[in-house]
Amino acid sequence: MTSLVPFEAGLLLAMATPNQASNPLVQLIPFALVLAIFYFVILLPMRRRQKKVQEFLSALKVGDKVITSGGLYGSVAKLGDQSVQLQVAQNVRVEVSRAAIVGYQGQEPVVDAPHG
């Protein structure tokens, strides 16, 4: 009869009881991995885009030629906290929400236009 070394006995015991609870930290690894992927693929780029849009909207000044999300071209005539007055033609001014301005005329839009 062969005698088992303590290591082999432990190995046989571990293989004999597969229903034994494993380390809870090992079970959390896939969950943490999914959260990390979600953060780096979705949340981080979204935060960067939001910051870029916020910087664009706060840097607006009178005289800037802009375009709105509705496709209206105009020149900034007056700035308010929540709205911007655009001059779209001579003696024609329209007040729009500051959030409706998506970019400068002739450049790529800073704000993604809503898809609907």
PDB file of N, CA and C in Angstrom:
ATOM      1  N   MET A   1       0.835  -1.169   0.000  1.00  0.00           N
ATOM      2  CA  MET A   1       0.000   0.000   0.000  1.00  0.00           C
ATOM      3  C   MET A   1       0.883   1.236   0.000  1.00  0.00           C
ATOM      4  N   THR A   2       0.477   2.238  -0.797  1.00  0.00           N
ATOM      5  CA  THR A   2       1.287   3.451  -0.888  1.00  0.00           C
ATOM      6  C   THR A   2       0.760   4.491   0.081  1.00  0.00           C
ATOM      7  N   SER A   3       1.679   5.230   0.613  1.00  0.00           N
ATOM      8  CA  SER A   3       1.261   6.301   1.518  1.00  0.00           C
ATOM      9  C   SER A   3       1.236   7.616   0.734  1.00  0.00           C
ATOM     10  N   LEU A   4       0.287   8.440   1.046  1.00  0.00           N
ATOM     11  CA  LEU A   4       0.144   9.722   0.354  1.00  0.00           C
ATOM     12  C   LEU A   4       0.895  10.797   1.115  1.00  0.00           C
ATOM     13  N   VAL A   5       1.548  11.617   0.364  1.00  0.00           N
ATOM     14  CA  VAL A   5       2.207  12.788   0.935  1.00  0.00           C
ATOM     15  C   VAL A   5       1.096  13.793   1.266  1.00  0.00           C
ATOM     16  N   PRO A   6       1.242  14.623   2.294  1.00  0.00           N
ATOM     17  CA  PRO A   6       0.174  15.557   2.675  1.00  0.00           C
ATOM     18  C   PRO A   6      -0.318  16.434   1.516  1.00  0.00           C
ATOM     19  N   PHE A   7       0.582  16.829   0.617  1.00  0.00           N
ATOM     20  CA  PHE A   7       0.174  17.655  -0.525  1.00  0.00           C
ATOM     21  C   PHE A   7      -0.781  16.896  -1.441  1.00  0.00           C
ATOM     22  N   GLU A   8      -0.444  15.658  -1.721  1.00  0.00           N
ATOM     23  CA  GLU A   8      -1.290  14.840  -2.589  1.00  0.00           C
ATOM     24  C   GLU A   8      -2.638  14.562  -1.927  1.00  0.00           C
ATOM     25  N   ALA A   9      -2.629  14.386  -0.623  1.00  0.00           N
ATOM     26  CA  ALA A   9      -3.878  14.142   0.090  1.00  0.00           C
ATOM     27  C   ALA A   9      -4.776  15.362   0.002  1.00  0.00           C
ATOM     28  N   GLY A  10      -4.199  16.543   0.134  1.00  0.00           N
ATOM     29  CA  GLY A  10      -4.970  17.781   0.011  1.00  0.00           C
ATOM     30  C   GLY A  10      -5.511  17.955  -1.392  1.00  0.00           C
ATOM     31  N   LEU A  11      -4.712  17.593  -2.392  1.00  0.00           N
ATOM     32  CA  LEU A  11      -5.132  17.690  -3.774  1.00  0.00           C
ATOM     33  C   LEU A  11      -6.309  16.751  -4.055  1.00  0.00           C
ATOM     34  N   LEU A  12      -6.222  15.542  -3.553  1.00  0.00           N
ATOM     35  CA  LEU A  12      -7.313  14.584  -3.728  1.00  0.00           C
ATOM     36  C   LEU A  12      -8.567  15.053  -3.009  1.00  0.00           C
ATOM     37  N   LEU A  13      -8.399  15.657  -1.836  1.00  0.00           N
ATOM     38  CA  LEU A  13      -9.539  16.163  -1.085  1.00  0.00           C
ATOM     39  C   LEU A  13     -10.214  17.308  -1.831  1.00  0.00           C
ATOM     40  N   ALA A  14      -9.424  18.195  -2.429  1.00  0.00           N
ATOM     41  CA  ALA A  14      -9.975  19.320  -3.175  1.00  0.00           C
ATOM     42  C   ALA A  14     -10.715  18.842  -4.406  1.00  0.00           C
ATOM     43  N   MET A  15     -10.210  17.813  -5.068  1.00  0.00           N
ATOM     44  CA  MET A  15     -10.869  17.292  -6.253  1.00  0.00           C
ATOM     45  C   MET A  15     -12.121  16.503  -5.885  1.00  0.00           C
ATOM     46  N   ALA A  16     -12.167  15.958  -4.687  1.00  0.00           N
ATOM     47  CA  ALA A  16     -13.293  15.122  -4.282  1.00  0.00           C
ATOM     48  C   ALA A  16     -14.506  15.961  -3.890  1.00  0.00           C
ATOM     49  N   THR A  17     -14.305  17.237  -3.538  1.00  0.00           N
ATOM     50  CA  THR A  17     -15.420  18.081  -3.102  1.00  0.00           C
ATOM     51  C   THR A  17     -15.562  19.281  -4.039  1.00  0.00           C
ATOM     52  N   PRO A  18     -16.130  19.099  -5.223  1.00  0.00           N
ATOM     53  CA  PRO A  18     -16.252  20.221  -6.158  1.00  0.00           C
ATOM     54  C   PRO A  18     -17.318  21.227  -5.745  1.00  0.00           C
ATOM     55  N   ASN A  19     -18.246  20.889  -4.903  1.00  0.00           N
ATOM     56  CA  ASN A  19     -19.299  21.803  -4.485  1.00  0.00           C
ATOM     57  C   ASN A  19     -18.865  22.728  -3.355  1.00  0.00           C
ATOM     58  N   GLN A  20     -17.653  22.584  -2.947  1.00  0.00           N
ATOM     59  CA  GLN A  20     -17.143  23.414  -1.862  1.00  0.00           C
ATOM     60  C   GLN A  20     -17.090  24.869  -2.332  1.00  0.00           C
ATOM     61  N   ALA A  21     -17.488  25.811  -1.481  1.00  0.00           N
ATOM     62  CA  ALA A  21     -17.514  27.233  -1.843  1.00  0.00           C
ATOM     63  C   ALA A  21     -16.099  27.731  -2.112  1.00  0.00           C
ATOM     64  N   SER A  22     -15.947  28.437  -3.234  1.00  0.00           N
ATOM     65  CA  SER A  22     -14.637  28.994  -3.554  1.00  0.00           C
ATOM     66  C   SER A  22     -14.521  30.389  -2.942  1.00  0.00           C
ATOM     67  N   ASN A  23     -13.368  30.969  -3.097  1.00  0.00           N
ATOM     68  CA  ASN A  23     -13.084  32.276  -2.539  1.00  0.00           C
ATOM     69  C   ASN A  23     -14.040  33.315  -3.148  1.00  0.00           C
ATOM     70  N   PRO A  24     -14.743  34.105  -2.332  1.00  0.00           N
ATOM     71  CA  PRO A  24     -15.689  35.093  -2.875  1.00  0.00           C
ATOM     72  C   PRO A  24     -15.004  36.162  -3.731  1.00  0.00           C
ATOM     73  N   LEU A  25     -13.756  36.451  -3.458  1.00  0.00           N
ATOM     74  CA  LEU A  25     -13.047  37.447  -4.265  1.00  0.00           C
ATOM     75  C   LEU A  25     -12.871  36.961  -5.696  1.00  0.00           C
ATOM     76  N   VAL A  26     -12.655  35.682  -5.880  1.00  0.00           N
ATOM     77  CA  VAL A  26     -12.498  35.120  -7.219  1.00  0.00           C
ATOM     78  C   VAL A  26     -13.812  35.253  -7.992  1.00  0.00           C
ATOM     79  N   GLN A  27     -14.923  35.145  -7.294  1.00  0.00           N
ATOM     80  CA  GLN A  27     -16.225  35.266  -7.944  1.00  0.00           C
ATOM     81  C   GLN A  27     -16.518  36.705  -8.369  1.00  0.00           C
ATOM     82  N   LEU A  28     -15.882  37.682  -7.718  1.00  0.00           N
ATOM     83  CA  LEU A  28     -16.112  39.087  -8.047  1.00  0.00           C
ATOM     84  C   LEU A  28     -15.260  39.575  -9.219  1.00  0.00           C
ATOM     85  N   ILE A  29     -14.264  38.817  -9.621  1.00  0.00           N
ATOM     86  CA  ILE A  29     -13.371  39.245 -10.701  1.00  0.00           C
ATOM     87  C   ILE A  29     -14.124  39.499 -12.010  1.00  0.00           C
ATOM     88  N   PRO A  30     -14.998  38.607 -12.472  1.00  0.00           N
ATOM     89  CA  PRO A  30     -15.716  38.909 -13.719  1.00  0.00           C
ATOM     90  C   PRO A  30     -16.587  40.163 -13.619  1.00  0.00           C
ATOM     91  N   PHE A  31     -17.230  40.350 -12.470  1.00  0.00           N
ATOM     92  CA  PHE A  31     -18.053  41.539 -12.257  1.00  0.00           C
ATOM     93  C   PHE A  31     -17.208  42.806 -12.311  1.00  0.00           C
ATOM     94  N   ALA A  32     -16.055  42.785 -11.656  1.00  0.00           N
ATOM     95  CA  ALA A  32     -15.154  43.942 -11.668  1.00  0.00           C
ATOM     96  C   ALA A  32     -14.623  44.202 -13.070  1.00  0.00           C
ATOM     97  N   LEU A  33     -14.368  43.152 -13.801  1.00  0.00           N
ATOM     98  CA  LEU A  33     -13.892  43.285 -15.178  1.00  0.00           C
ATOM     99  C   LEU A  33     -14.948  43.947 -16.056  1.00  0.00           C
ATOM    100  N   VAL A  34     -16.194  43.559 -15.915  1.00  0.00           N
ATOM    101  CA  VAL A  34     -17.280  44.164 -16.686  1.00  0.00           C
ATOM    102  C   VAL A  34     -17.427  45.638 -16.327  1.00  0.00           C
ATOM    103  N   LEU A  35     -17.351  45.965 -15.038  1.00  0.00           N
ATOM    104  CA  LEU A  35     -17.438  47.361 -14.614  1.00  0.00           C
ATOM    105  C   LEU A  35     -16.293  48.194 -15.188  1.00  0.00           C
ATOM    106  N   ALA A  36     -15.089  47.648 -15.185  1.00  0.00           N
ATOM    107  CA  ALA A  36     -13.936  48.373 -15.724  1.00  0.00           C
ATOM    108  C   ALA A  36     -14.099  48.616 -17.217  1.00  0.00           C
ATOM    109  N   ILE A  37     -14.555  47.620 -17.940  1.00  0.00           N
ATOM    110  CA  ILE A  37     -14.772  47.780 -19.382  1.00  0.00           C
ATOM    111  C   ILE A  37     -15.855  48.829 -19.637  1.00  0.00           C
ATOM    112  N   PHE A  38     -16.947  48.767 -18.881  1.00  0.00           N
ATOM    113  CA  PHE A  38     -18.031  49.743 -19.001  1.00  0.00           C
ATOM    114  C   PHE A  38     -17.507  51.156 -18.763  1.00  0.00           C
ATOM    115  N   TYR A  39     -16.675  51.320 -17.738  1.00  0.00           N
ATOM    116  CA  TYR A  39     -16.147  52.644 -17.405  1.00  0.00           C
ATOM    117  C   TYR A  39     -15.266  53.176 -18.535  1.00  0.00           C
ATOM    118  N   PHE A  40     -14.332  52.366 -19.012  1.00  0.00           N
ATOM    119  CA  PHE A  40     -13.381  52.848 -20.005  1.00  0.00           C
ATOM    120  C   PHE A  40     -13.976  52.970 -21.403  1.00  0.00           C
ATOM    121  N   VAL A  41     -14.995  52.193 -21.711  1.00  0.00           N
ATOM    122  CA  VAL A  41     -15.568  52.234 -23.055  1.00  0.00           C
ATOM    123  C   VAL A  41     -16.716  53.244 -23.152  1.00  0.00           C
ATOM    124  N   ILE A  42     -17.484  53.411 -22.081  1.00  0.00           N
ATOM    125  CA  ILE A  42     -18.667  54.263 -22.160  1.00  0.00           C
ATOM    126  C   ILE A  42     -18.544  55.538 -21.318  1.00  0.00           C
ATOM    127  N   LEU A  43     -18.290  55.399 -20.041  1.00  0.00           N
ATOM    128  CA  LEU A  43     -18.334  56.560 -19.152  1.00  0.00           C
ATOM    129  C   LEU A  43     -17.197  57.555 -19.377  1.00  0.00           C
ATOM    130  N   LEU A  44     -15.981  57.096 -19.520  1.00  0.00           N
ATOM    131  CA  LEU A  44     -14.848  58.005 -19.671  1.00  0.00           C
ATOM    132  C   LEU A  44     -14.957  58.840 -20.944  1.00  0.00           C
ATOM    133  N   PRO A  45     -15.234  58.246 -22.118  1.00  0.00           N
ATOM    134  CA  PRO A  45     -15.394  59.087 -23.308  1.00  0.00           C
ATOM    135  C   PRO A  45     -16.577  60.054 -23.198  1.00  0.00           C
ATOM    136  N   MET A  46     -17.655  59.628 -22.534  1.00  0.00           N
ATOM    137  CA  MET A  46     -18.805  60.496 -22.373  1.00  0.00           C
ATOM    138  C   MET A  46     -18.450  61.707 -21.503  1.00  0.00           C
ATOM    139  N   ARG A  47     -17.700  61.486 -20.449  1.00  0.00           N
ATOM    140  CA  ARG A  47     -17.275  62.601 -19.584  1.00  0.00           C
ATOM    141  C   ARG A  47     -16.357  63.555 -20.326  1.00  0.00           C
ATOM    142  N   ARG A  48     -15.442  63.010 -21.127  1.00  0.00           N
ATOM    143  CA  ARG A  48     -14.547  63.866 -21.918  1.00  0.00           C
ATOM    144  C   ARG A  48     -15.340  64.715 -22.902  1.00  0.00           C
ATOM    145  N   ARG A  49     -16.334  64.103 -23.560  1.00  0.00           N
ATOM    146  CA  ARG A  49     -17.159  64.833 -24.531  1.00  0.00           C
ATOM    147  C   ARG A  49     -17.958  65.924 -23.823  1.00  0.00           C
ATOM    148  N   GLN A  50     -18.522  65.603 -22.648  1.00  0.00           N
ATOM    149  CA  GLN A  50     -19.282  66.596 -21.886  1.00  0.00           C
ATOM    150  C   GLN A  50     -18.406  67.783 -21.501  1.00  0.00           C
ATOM    151  N   LYS A  51     -17.183  67.496 -21.087  1.00  0.00           N
ATOM    152  CA  LYS A  51     -16.263  68.558 -20.698  1.00  0.00           C
ATOM    153  C   LYS A  51     -15.930  69.444 -21.892  1.00  0.00           C
ATOM    154  N   LYS A  52     -15.711  68.822 -23.053  1.00  0.00           N
ATOM    155  CA  LYS A  52     -15.401  69.569 -24.271  1.00  0.00           C
ATOM    156  C   LYS A  52     -16.567  70.468 -24.668  1.00  0.00           C
ATOM    157  N   VAL A  53     -17.792  69.954 -24.582  1.00  0.00           N
ATOM    158  CA  VAL A  53     -18.989  70.732 -24.915  1.00  0.00           C
ATOM    159  C   VAL A  53     -19.147  71.889 -23.944  1.00  0.00           C
ATOM    160  N   GLN A  54     -18.950  71.623 -22.659  1.00  0.00           N
ATOM    161  CA  GLN A  54     -19.086  72.672 -21.646  1.00  0.00           C
ATOM    162  C   GLN A  54     -18.065  73.781 -21.872  1.00  0.00           C
ATOM    163  N   GLU A  55     -16.834  73.410 -22.203  1.00  0.00           N
ATOM    164  CA  GLU A  55     -15.803  74.412 -22.482  1.00  0.00           C
ATOM    165  C   GLU A  55     -16.174  75.235 -23.713  1.00  0.00           C
ATOM    166  N   PHE A  56     -16.708  74.578 -24.749  1.00  0.00           N
ATOM    167  CA  PHE A  56     -17.127  75.280 -25.966  1.00  0.00           C
ATOM    168  C   PHE A  56     -18.222  76.294 -25.655  1.00  0.00           C
ATOM    169  N   LEU A  57     -19.253  75.853 -24.913  1.00  0.00           N
ATOM    170  CA  LEU A  57     -20.380  76.739 -24.628  1.00  0.00           C
ATOM    171  C   LEU A  57     -19.974  77.906 -23.727  1.00  0.00           C
ATOM    172  N   SER A  58     -19.050  77.685 -22.795  1.00  0.00           N
ATOM    173  CA  SER A  58     -18.638  78.792 -21.935  1.00  0.00           C
ATOM    174  C   SER A  58     -17.677  79.746 -22.644  1.00  0.00           C
ATOM    175  N   ALA A  59     -17.054  79.303 -23.740  1.00  0.00           N
ATOM    176  CA  ALA A  59     -16.116  80.159 -24.473  1.00  0.00           C
ATOM    177  C   ALA A  59     -16.805  80.986 -25.556  1.00  0.00           C
ATOM    178  N   LEU A  60     -18.120  80.829 -25.716  1.00  0.00           N
ATOM    179  CA  LEU A  60     -18.824  81.618 -26.731  1.00  0.00           C
ATOM    180  C   LEU A  60     -18.712  83.100 -26.418  1.00  0.00           C
ATOM    181  N   LYS A  61     -18.566  83.904 -27.466  1.00  0.00           N
ATOM    182  CA  LYS A  61     -18.497  85.353 -27.277  1.00  0.00           C
ATOM    183  C   LYS A  61     -19.274  86.046 -28.394  1.00  0.00           C
ATOM    184  N   VAL A  62     -19.610  87.286 -28.183  1.00  0.00           N
ATOM    185  CA  VAL A  62     -20.352  88.066 -29.160  1.00  0.00           C
ATOM    186  C   VAL A  62     -19.538  88.139 -30.449  1.00  0.00           C
ATOM    187  N   GLY A  63     -20.221  87.882 -31.564  1.00  0.00           N
ATOM    188  CA  GLY A  63     -19.565  87.931 -32.867  1.00  0.00           C
ATOM    189  C   GLY A  63     -19.214  86.563 -33.424  1.00  0.00           C
ATOM    190  N   ASP A  64     -19.238  85.527 -32.601  1.00  0.00           N
ATOM    191  CA  ASP A  64     -18.944  84.174 -33.090  1.00  0.00           C
ATOM    192  C   ASP A  64     -20.021  83.742 -34.080  1.00  0.00           C
ATOM    193  N   LYS A  65     -19.611  83.141 -35.170  1.00  0.00           N
ATOM    194  CA  LYS A  65     -20.551  82.614 -36.158  1.00  0.00           C
ATOM    195  C   LYS A  65     -20.768  81.142 -35.835  1.00  0.00           C
ATOM    196  N   VAL A  66     -22.019  80.805 -35.494  1.00  0.00           N
ATOM    197  CA  VAL A  66     -22.332  79.465 -34.988  1.00  0.00           C
ATOM    198  C   VAL A  66     -23.477  78.845 -35.769  1.00  0.00           C
ATOM    199  N   ILE A  67     -23.696  77.560 -35.504  1.00  0.00           N
ATOM    200  CA  ILE A  67     -24.834  76.827 -36.058  1.00  0.00           C
ATOM    201  C   ILE A  67     -25.542  76.128 -34.898  1.00  0.00           C
ATOM    202  N   THR A  68     -26.864  76.064 -35.004  1.00  0.00           N
ATOM    203  CA  THR A  68     -27.650  75.421 -33.947  1.00  0.00           C
ATOM    204  C   THR A  68     -27.965  73.984 -34.330  1.00  0.00           C
ATOM    205  N   SER A  69     -28.510  73.243 -33.389  1.00  0.00           N
ATOM    206  CA  SER A  69     -28.885  71.852 -33.649  1.00  0.00           C
ATOM    207  C   SER A  69     -30.016  71.760 -34.661  1.00  0.00           C
ATOM    208  N   GLY A  70     -30.772  72.824 -34.834  1.00  0.00           N
ATOM    209  CA  GLY A  70     -31.845  72.854 -35.821  1.00  0.00           C
ATOM    210  C   GLY A  70     -31.372  73.292 -37.197  1.00  0.00           C
ATOM    211  N   GLY A  71     -30.080  73.600 -37.334  1.00  0.00           N
ATOM    212  CA  GLY A  71     -29.531  73.993 -38.629  1.00  0.00           C
ATOM    213  C   GLY A  71     -29.581  75.483 -38.893  1.00  0.00           C
ATOM    214  N   LEU A  72     -29.844  76.279 -37.886  1.00  0.00           N
ATOM    215  CA  LEU A  72     -29.923  77.727 -38.038  1.00  0.00           C
ATOM    216  C   LEU A  72     -28.525  78.325 -37.917  1.00  0.00           C
ATOM    217  N   TYR A  73     -28.117  79.076 -38.943  1.00  0.00           N
ATOM    218  CA  TYR A  73     -26.821  79.754 -38.928  1.00  0.00           C
ATOM    219  C   TYR A  73     -27.020  81.172 -38.437  1.00  0.00           C
ATOM    220  N   GLY A  74     -26.096  81.642 -37.610  1.00  0.00           N
ATOM    221  CA  GLY A  74     -26.211  83.008 -37.134  1.00  0.00           C
ATOM    222  C   GLY A  74     -24.952  83.462 -36.439  1.00  0.00           C
ATOM    223  N   SER A  75     -24.954  84.725 -36.104  1.00  0.00           N
ATOM    224  CA  SER A  75     -23.841  85.334 -35.396  1.00  0.00           C
ATOM    225  C   SER A  75     -24.313  85.691 -33.989  1.00  0.00           C
ATOM    226  N   VAL A  76     -23.518  85.401 -32.984  1.00  0.00           N
ATOM    227  CA  VAL A  76     -23.901  85.663 -31.598  1.00  0.00           C
ATOM    228  C   VAL A  76     -23.977  87.169 -31.388  1.00  0.00           C
ATOM    229  N   ALA A  77     -25.169  87.645 -30.988  1.00  0.00           N
ATOM    230  CA  ALA A  77     -25.381  89.069 -30.756  1.00  0.00           C
ATOM    231  C   ALA A  77     -25.394  89.399 -29.266  1.00  0.00           C
ATOM    232  N   LYS A  78     -25.887  88.456 -28.458  1.00  0.00           N
ATOM    233  CA  LYS A  78     -26.003  88.704 -27.020  1.00  0.00           C
ATOM    234  C   LYS A  78     -25.953  87.366 -26.302  1.00  0.00           C
ATOM    235  N   LEU A  79     -25.269  87.334 -25.168  1.00  0.00           N
ATOM    236  CA  LEU A  79     -25.141  86.105 -24.384  1.00  0.00           C
ATOM    237  C   LEU A  79     -25.892  86.231 -23.067  1.00  0.00           C
ATOM    238  N   GLY A  80     -26.638  85.201 -22.730  1.00  0.00           N
ATOM    239  CA  GLY A  80     -27.296  85.119 -21.433  1.00  0.00           C
ATOM    240  C   GLY A  80     -26.799  83.876 -20.717  1.00  0.00           C
ATOM    241  N   ASP A  81     -27.294  83.640 -19.514  1.00  0.00           N
ATOM    242  CA  ASP A  81     -26.876  82.450 -18.767  1.00  0.00           C
ATOM    243  C   ASP A  81     -27.362  81.177 -19.442  1.00  0.00           C
ATOM    244  N   GLN A  82     -28.640  81.155 -19.832  1.00  0.00           N
ATOM    245  CA  GLN A  82     -29.238  79.959 -20.413  1.00  0.00           C
ATOM    246  C   GLN A  82     -29.530  80.094 -21.896  1.00  0.00           C
ATOM    247  N   SER A  83     -29.465  81.312 -22.426  1.00  0.00           N
ATOM    248  CA  SER A  83     -29.825  81.515 -23.829  1.00  0.00           C
ATOM    249  C   SER A  83     -28.799  82.388 -24.535  1.00  0.00           C
ATOM    250  N   VAL A  84     -28.887  82.366 -25.860  1.00  0.00           N
ATOM    251  CA  VAL A  84     -28.011  83.157 -26.714  1.00  0.00           C
ATOM    252  C   VAL A  84     -28.884  83.816 -27.760  1.00  0.00           C
ATOM    253  N   GLN A  85     -28.629  85.080 -28.021  1.00  0.00           N
ATOM    254  CA  GLN A  85     -29.367  85.771 -29.067  1.00  0.00           C
ATOM    255  C   GLN A  85     -28.515  85.737 -30.336  1.00  0.00           C
ATOM    256  N   LEU A  86     -29.088  85.166 -31.404  1.00  0.00           N
ATOM    257  CA  LEU A  86     -28.385  85.056 -32.677  1.00  0.00           C
ATOM    258  C   LEU A  86     -28.954  86.046 -33.670  1.00  0.00           C
ATOM    259  N   GLN A  87     -28.073  86.682 -34.399  1.00  0.00           N
ATOM    260  CA  GLN A  87     -28.516  87.528 -35.495  1.00  0.00           C
ATOM    261  C   GLN A  87     -28.436  86.667 -36.746  1.00  0.00           C
ATOM    262  N   VAL A  88     -29.601  86.359 -37.335  1.00  0.00           N
ATOM    263  CA  VAL A  88     -29.657  85.464 -38.487  1.00  0.00           C
ATOM    264  C   VAL A  88     -29.732  86.228 -39.799  1.00  0.00           C
ATOM    265  N   ALA A  89     -30.131  87.478 -39.763  1.00  0.00           N
ATOM    266  CA  ALA A  89     -30.162  88.362 -40.930  1.00  0.00           C
ATOM    267  C   ALA A  89     -30.108  89.792 -40.391  1.00  0.00           C
ATOM    268  N   GLN A  90     -30.006  90.752 -41.292  1.00  0.00           N
ATOM    269  CA  GLN A  90     -29.957  92.138 -40.835  1.00  0.00           C
ATOM    270  C   GLN A  90     -31.260  92.481 -40.117  1.00  0.00           C
ATOM    271  N   ASN A  91     -31.142  92.981 -38.903  1.00  0.00           N
ATOM    272  CA  ASN A  91     -32.270  93.348 -38.045  1.00  0.00           C
ATOM    273  C   ASN A  91     -33.173  92.165 -37.678  1.00  0.00           C
ATOM    274  N   VAL A  92     -32.679  90.953 -37.769  1.00  0.00           N
ATOM    275  CA  VAL A  92     -33.440  89.768 -37.366  1.00  0.00           C
ATOM    276  C   VAL A  92     -32.639  89.007 -36.316  1.00  0.00           C
ATOM    277  N   ARG A  93     -33.181  88.997 -35.115  1.00  0.00           N
ATOM    278  CA  ARG A  93     -32.508  88.282 -34.016  1.00  0.00           C
ATOM    279  C   ARG A  93     -33.441  87.222 -33.448  1.00  0.00           C
ATOM    280  N   VAL A  94     -32.837  86.067 -33.125  1.00  0.00           N
ATOM    281  CA  VAL A  94     -33.578  84.944 -32.577  1.00  0.00           C
ATOM    282  C   VAL A  94     -32.890  84.519 -31.289  1.00  0.00           C
ATOM    283  N   GLU A  95     -33.691  84.271 -30.268  1.00  0.00           N
ATOM    284  CA  GLU A  95     -33.118  83.790 -29.010  1.00  0.00           C
ATOM    285  C   GLU A  95     -33.257  82.273 -28.954  1.00  0.00           C
ATOM    286  N   VAL A  96     -32.136  81.592 -28.734  1.00  0.00           N
ATOM    287  CA  VAL A  96     -32.121  80.126 -28.663  1.00  0.00           C
ATOM    288  C   VAL A  96     -31.444  79.699 -27.370  1.00  0.00           C
ATOM    289  N   SER A  97     -31.706  78.482 -26.997  1.00  0.00           N
ATOM    290  CA  SER A  97     -31.051  77.918 -25.816  1.00  0.00           C
ATOM    291  C   SER A  97     -29.557  77.802 -26.080  1.00  0.00           C
ATOM    292  N   ARG A  98     -28.783  78.042 -25.073  1.00  0.00           N
ATOM    293  CA  ARG A  98     -27.327  77.919 -25.216  1.00  0.00           C
ATOM    294  C   ARG A  98     -26.947  76.489 -25.598  1.00  0.00           C
ATOM    295  N   ALA A  99     -27.707  75.522 -25.095  1.00  0.00           N
ATOM    296  CA  ALA A  99     -27.428  74.111 -25.380  1.00  0.00           C
ATOM    297  C   ALA A  99     -27.751  73.737 -26.831  1.00  0.00           C
ATOM    298  N   ALA A 100     -28.501  74.594 -27.541  1.00  0.00           N
ATOM    299  CA  ALA A 100     -28.859  74.305 -28.933  1.00  0.00           C
ATOM    300  C   ALA A 100     -27.706  74.607 -29.886  1.00  0.00           C
ATOM    301  N   ILE A 101     -26.707  75.311 -29.433  1.00  0.00           N
ATOM    302  CA  ILE A 101     -25.577  75.637 -30.300  1.00  0.00           C
ATOM    303  C   ILE A 101     -24.639  74.438 -30.331  1.00  0.00           C
ATOM    304  N   VAL A 102     -24.369  73.946 -31.549  1.00  0.00           N
ATOM    305  CA  VAL A 102     -23.578  72.719 -31.681  1.00  0.00           C
ATOM    306  C   VAL A 102     -22.172  72.948 -32.206  1.00  0.00           C
ATOM    307  N   GLY A 103     -21.882  74.121 -32.738  1.00  0.00           N
ATOM    308  CA  GLY A 103     -20.524  74.349 -33.226  1.00  0.00           C
ATOM    309  C   GLY A 103     -20.394  75.655 -33.968  1.00  0.00           C
ATOM    310  N   TYR A 104     -19.172  75.891 -34.416  1.00  0.00           N
ATOM    311  CA  TYR A 104     -18.895  77.072 -35.214  1.00  0.00           C
ATOM    312  C   TYR A 104     -19.204  76.772 -36.676  1.00  0.00           C
ATOM    313  N   GLN A 105     -19.591  77.792 -37.419  1.00  0.00           N
ATOM    314  CA  GLN A 105     -19.872  77.622 -38.843  1.00  0.00           C
ATOM    315  C   GLN A 105     -18.599  77.202 -39.570  1.00  0.00           C
ATOM    316  N   GLY A 106     -18.732  76.230 -40.462  1.00  0.00           N
ATOM    317  CA  GLY A 106     -17.605  75.781 -41.272  1.00  0.00           C
ATOM    318  C   GLY A 106     -16.673  74.814 -40.578  1.00  0.00           C
ATOM    319  N   GLN A 107     -16.977  74.410 -39.361  1.00  0.00           N
ATOM    320  CA  GLN A 107     -16.147  73.454 -38.627  1.00  0.00           C
ATOM    321  C   GLN A 107     -16.999  72.263 -38.217  1.00  0.00           C
ATOM    322  N   GLU A 108     -16.309  71.198 -37.817  1.00  0.00           N
ATOM    323  CA  GLU A 108     -17.015  70.009 -37.315  1.00  0.00           C
ATOM    324  C   GLU A 108     -17.796  70.396 -36.071  1.00  0.00           C
ATOM    325  N   PRO A 109     -19.025  69.856 -35.901  1.00  0.00           N
ATOM    326  CA  PRO A 109     -19.795  70.166 -34.692  1.00  0.00           C
ATOM    327  C   PRO A 109     -19.096  69.685 -33.426  1.00  0.00           C
ATOM    328  N   VAL A 110     -19.143  70.499 -32.405  1.00  0.00           N
ATOM    329  CA  VAL A 110     -18.567  70.125 -31.112  1.00  0.00           C
ATOM    330  C   VAL A 110     -19.535  69.205 -30.391  1.00  0.00           C
ATOM    331  N   VAL A 111     -20.823  69.514 -30.503  1.00  0.00           N
ATOM    332  CA  VAL A 111     -21.878  68.749 -29.849  1.00  0.00           C
ATOM    333  C   VAL A 111     -22.445  67.767 -30.861  1.00  0.00           C
ATOM    334  N   ASP A 112     -22.650  66.516 -30.435  1.00  0.00           N
ATOM    335  CA  ASP A 112     -23.302  65.547 -31.296  1.00  0.00           C
ATOM    336  C   ASP A 112     -24.765  65.932 -31.440  1.00  0.00           C
ATOM    337  N   ALA A 113     -25.235  65.999 -32.684  1.00  0.00           N
ATOM    338  CA  ALA A 113     -26.641  66.330 -32.927  1.00  0.00           C
ATOM    339  C   ALA A 113     -27.505  65.174 -32.440  1.00  0.00           C
ATOM    340  N   PRO A 114     -28.637  65.482 -31.806  1.00  0.00           N
ATOM    341  CA  PRO A 114     -29.515  64.408 -31.329  1.00  0.00           C
ATOM    342  C   PRO A 114     -30.070  63.606 -32.503  1.00  0.00           C
ATOM    343  N   HIS A 115     -30.090  62.282 -32.318  1.00  0.00           N
ATOM    344  CA  HIS A 115     -30.637  61.403 -33.345  1.00  0.00           C
ATOM    345  C   HIS A 115     -32.064  61.063 -32.962  1.00  0.00           C
ATOM    346  N   GLY A 116     -32.961  61.203 -33.872  1.00  0.00           N
ATOM    347  CA  GLY A 116     -34.337  60.930 -33.495  1.00  0.00           C
ATOM    348  C   GLY A 116     -35.109  60.492 -34.600  1.00  0.00           C
TER     349      GLY A 116
END
